[in-house]
Protein backbone atom coordinates (compact mmCIF):
# COMPACT_ATOMS: atom_id res chain seq x y z
CA MET A 1 -4.52 59.82 61.16
CA THR A 2 -3.87 55.74 61.00
CA SER A 3 -1.63 54.66 58.55
CA THR A 4 -2.90 51.56 56.06
CA PRO A 5 0.63 48.93 56.09
CA ASP A 6 2.26 48.45 52.31
CA TYR A 7 0.68 45.28 50.92
CA ALA A 8 4.18 43.54 50.99
CA ALA A 9 4.05 44.01 54.65
CA TYR A 10 0.51 42.49 54.83
CA ILE A 11 1.71 39.33 52.23
CA ALA A 12 4.62 39.14 54.43
CA ARG A 13 2.40 38.33 57.47
CA LEU A 14 0.05 36.10 55.79
CA PRO A 15 0.37 32.18 56.86
CA ARG A 16 2.53 30.09 54.05
CA VAL A 17 1.48 26.59 52.40
CA LEU A 18 3.76 23.91 50.68
CA ALA A 19 2.29 22.58 48.06
CA GLY A 20 3.19 19.49 46.36
CA ALA A 21 1.77 17.64 42.79
CA ALA A 22 2.26 14.25 41.49
CA ALA A 23 1.08 11.60 38.90
CA LEU A 24 -0.92 8.28 39.17
CA PHE A 25 0.50 5.92 36.01
CA ARG A 26 -0.45 2.38 35.86
CA ASP A 27 0.15 -0.11 33.81
CA GLY A 28 -2.57 -2.43 31.43
CA ALA A 29 -3.07 -4.10 34.57
CA GLY A 30 -4.30 -1.67 36.71
CA ARG A 31 -0.54 -1.66 38.93
CA VAL A 32 0.17 1.46 39.84
CA LEU A 33 3.67 3.17 39.36
CA LEU A 34 5.81 4.11 42.45
CA VAL A 35 9.26 5.56 43.02
CA GLU A 36 11.67 4.76 46.05
CA PRO A 37 13.20 8.23 47.08
CA GLY A 38 16.76 7.94 49.32
CA TYR A 39 16.38 10.75 51.12
CA ARG A 40 13.19 9.53 53.17
CA GLU A 41 11.73 6.12 54.24
CA GLY A 42 9.11 4.79 52.28
CA TRP A 43 7.74 5.26 48.68
CA GLY A 44 5.63 7.24 46.64
CA LEU A 45 3.86 8.56 43.51
CA PRO A 46 6.21 10.71 41.01
CA GLY A 47 6.37 14.21 42.17
CA GLY A 48 7.19 16.88 44.29
CA THR A 49 7.26 20.26 45.58
CA VAL A 50 5.92 22.90 42.90
CA GLU A 51 7.40 25.83 42.51
CA SER A 52 5.18 28.08 43.23
CA ASP A 53 7.66 31.08 44.15
CA SER A 54 8.64 31.58 40.16
CA GLY A 55 5.22 30.92 38.63
CA GLU A 56 4.62 26.94 38.09
CA THR A 57 1.29 25.58 38.60
CA PRO A 58 0.36 22.52 40.37
CA ARG A 59 -0.07 21.07 36.88
CA GLN A 60 3.19 22.00 35.81
CA GLY A 61 5.07 20.87 38.60
CA ALA A 62 4.07 17.16 38.34
CA ARG A 63 4.93 17.09 34.74
CA ARG A 64 8.73 18.81 35.38
CA GLU A 65 8.78 16.86 38.53
CA THR A 66 7.75 13.53 36.68
CA LEU A 67 10.46 14.01 33.54
CA GLU A 68 13.12 14.81 36.16
CA GLU A 69 12.27 11.88 38.03
CA ILE A 70 11.59 9.30 35.76
CA GLY A 71 12.42 10.88 32.52
CA LEU A 72 9.02 10.55 31.39
CA ASP A 73 7.41 13.82 29.90
CA ARG A 74 3.82 13.25 29.29
CA ALA A 75 1.26 15.81 28.91
CA LEU A 76 -1.13 15.18 32.46
CA GLY A 77 -5.00 14.06 32.45
CA ARG A 78 -7.26 15.44 34.99
CA LEU A 79 -7.33 16.14 38.58
CA LEU A 80 -7.97 12.97 40.45
CA ALA A 81 -7.58 14.45 44.15
CA VAL A 82 -6.90 17.31 45.88
CA ASP A 83 -5.82 16.97 49.69
CA TRP A 84 -4.59 19.13 53.04
CA VAL A 85 -2.49 17.64 54.79
CA PRO A 86 -1.34 19.67 57.73
CA GLY A 87 2.39 19.70 59.00
CA THR A 88 4.35 18.61 61.91
CA GLY A 89 7.61 20.47 61.90
CA ARG A 90 6.40 22.09 58.54
CA PRO A 91 3.88 24.28 57.59
CA PRO A 92 0.40 22.27 55.67
CA LEU A 93 0.87 20.79 52.57
CA VAL A 94 -1.68 21.11 49.42
CA ALA A 95 -1.58 17.82 47.77
CA TYR A 96 -2.36 17.10 43.95
CA VAL A 97 -2.58 14.42 41.99
CA TYR A 98 -3.42 13.88 38.49
CA ASP A 99 -4.08 10.84 36.23
CA GLY A 100 -0.65 9.85 34.36
CA GLY A 101 -2.99 7.27 32.46
CA VAL A 102 -1.93 3.85 31.64
CA LEU A 103 1.98 3.39 30.35
CA ALA A 104 2.54 0.63 27.76
CA GLY A 105 5.08 -1.98 27.66
CA GLU A 106 7.65 0.58 26.18
CA GLU A 107 6.91 3.44 28.29
CA LEU A 108 7.80 1.53 31.23
CA ALA A 109 10.61 0.10 29.59
CA ALA A 110 11.90 3.98 29.00
CA ILE A 111 11.91 4.88 32.68
CA ARG A 112 15.23 6.26 33.58
CA LEU A 113 15.34 7.47 37.25
CA GLN A 114 16.71 10.67 38.78
CA GLU A 115 20.24 8.66 40.34
CA GLU A 116 20.62 11.86 42.73
CA GLU A 117 16.97 11.44 44.53
CA LEU A 118 15.55 8.00 43.52
CA LEU A 119 16.83 4.04 44.46
CA SER A 120 14.39 2.66 42.55
CA TRP A 121 10.34 1.73 41.09
CA ARG A 122 8.03 -1.01 40.91
CA LEU A 123 4.45 -1.76 39.86
CA VAL A 124 2.21 -2.41 43.00
CA PRO A 125 -1.35 -3.37 42.72
CA ARG A 126 -4.36 -1.79 44.81
CA GLU A 127 -4.28 -4.13 47.10
CA GLU A 128 -0.92 -3.79 48.29
CA LEU A 129 -0.70 0.04 48.60
CA ALA A 130 -0.98 0.11 52.06
CA ALA A 131 1.78 -1.73 52.64
CA HIS A 132 3.91 0.62 50.47
CA LEU A 133 2.19 3.84 51.15
CA PRO A 134 1.21 4.56 54.91
CA GLY A 135 -0.77 7.08 56.12
CA ALA A 136 -2.18 10.05 54.40
CA LEU A 137 -0.16 9.27 51.01
CA GLY A 138 -1.52 5.95 50.77
CA ARG A 139 -5.15 7.06 51.69
CA ARG A 140 -4.67 10.02 48.72
CA VAL A 141 -3.54 7.51 46.37
CA LEU A 142 -6.46 5.12 46.75
CA ALA A 143 -9.32 7.91 46.79
CA ALA A 144 -7.27 8.78 43.41
CA LEU A 145 -7.91 5.44 42.06
CA ASP A 146 -11.94 5.49 43.45
CA VAL A 147 -12.08 8.70 41.02
CA LEU A 148 -10.89 6.75 37.96
CA THR A 149 -13.01 3.57 38.42
CA GLU A 150 -16.37 5.64 39.46
CA GLY A 151 -16.01 8.29 36.68
CA SER A 152 -16.60 10.91 39.70
CA GLY A 153 -14.55 14.72 39.83
CA PRO A 154 -11.80 15.53 42.25
CA ALA A 155 -11.66 13.90 45.34
CA GLU A 156 -11.23 17.00 47.88
CA LEU A 157 -9.64 15.21 50.93
CA GLU A 158 -7.98 16.35 54.45
CA ASN A 159 -5.09 14.23 55.65
CA GLY A 160 -5.90 11.45 52.75
CA HIS A 161 -9.90 11.47 54.46
CA ARG A 162 -12.61 12.56 52.20
CA ALA A 163 -13.31 15.83 53.25
CA GLY A 164 -17.09 17.00 53.88
């Protein structure tokens, strides 16, 4: 008679995937809010790793990270993009981008950076995003902006490229 492995052992053998979530904020002119992390090169959106082991959802993670990183606690709008990003030296990442909405002047003035992680923030027009966000991240943000412009429903991406 063969024995069936217990459920915990089965789960332990399954592949692992990381999850990240971010918020796409704009100002009244349509410029995108980017943050400059101190722990790696380049720029990004406010966001970070989803604490899925503690039961956090991607939407909750994006809101928590936004509060931690820039001091704004806002309900996020709809899901704009989901991106499957293969890993190099890490497991693959599923990245979620939510609509953070348009920030008014007083909200921009209220931004307070998480000093342990972030060096600065700036508002960047669409045509300059690729210079600040190379690769999959830049393509993901542009796809999310297209979803907002088109009024279409979330972009399914693979490494920043439209899937399907």
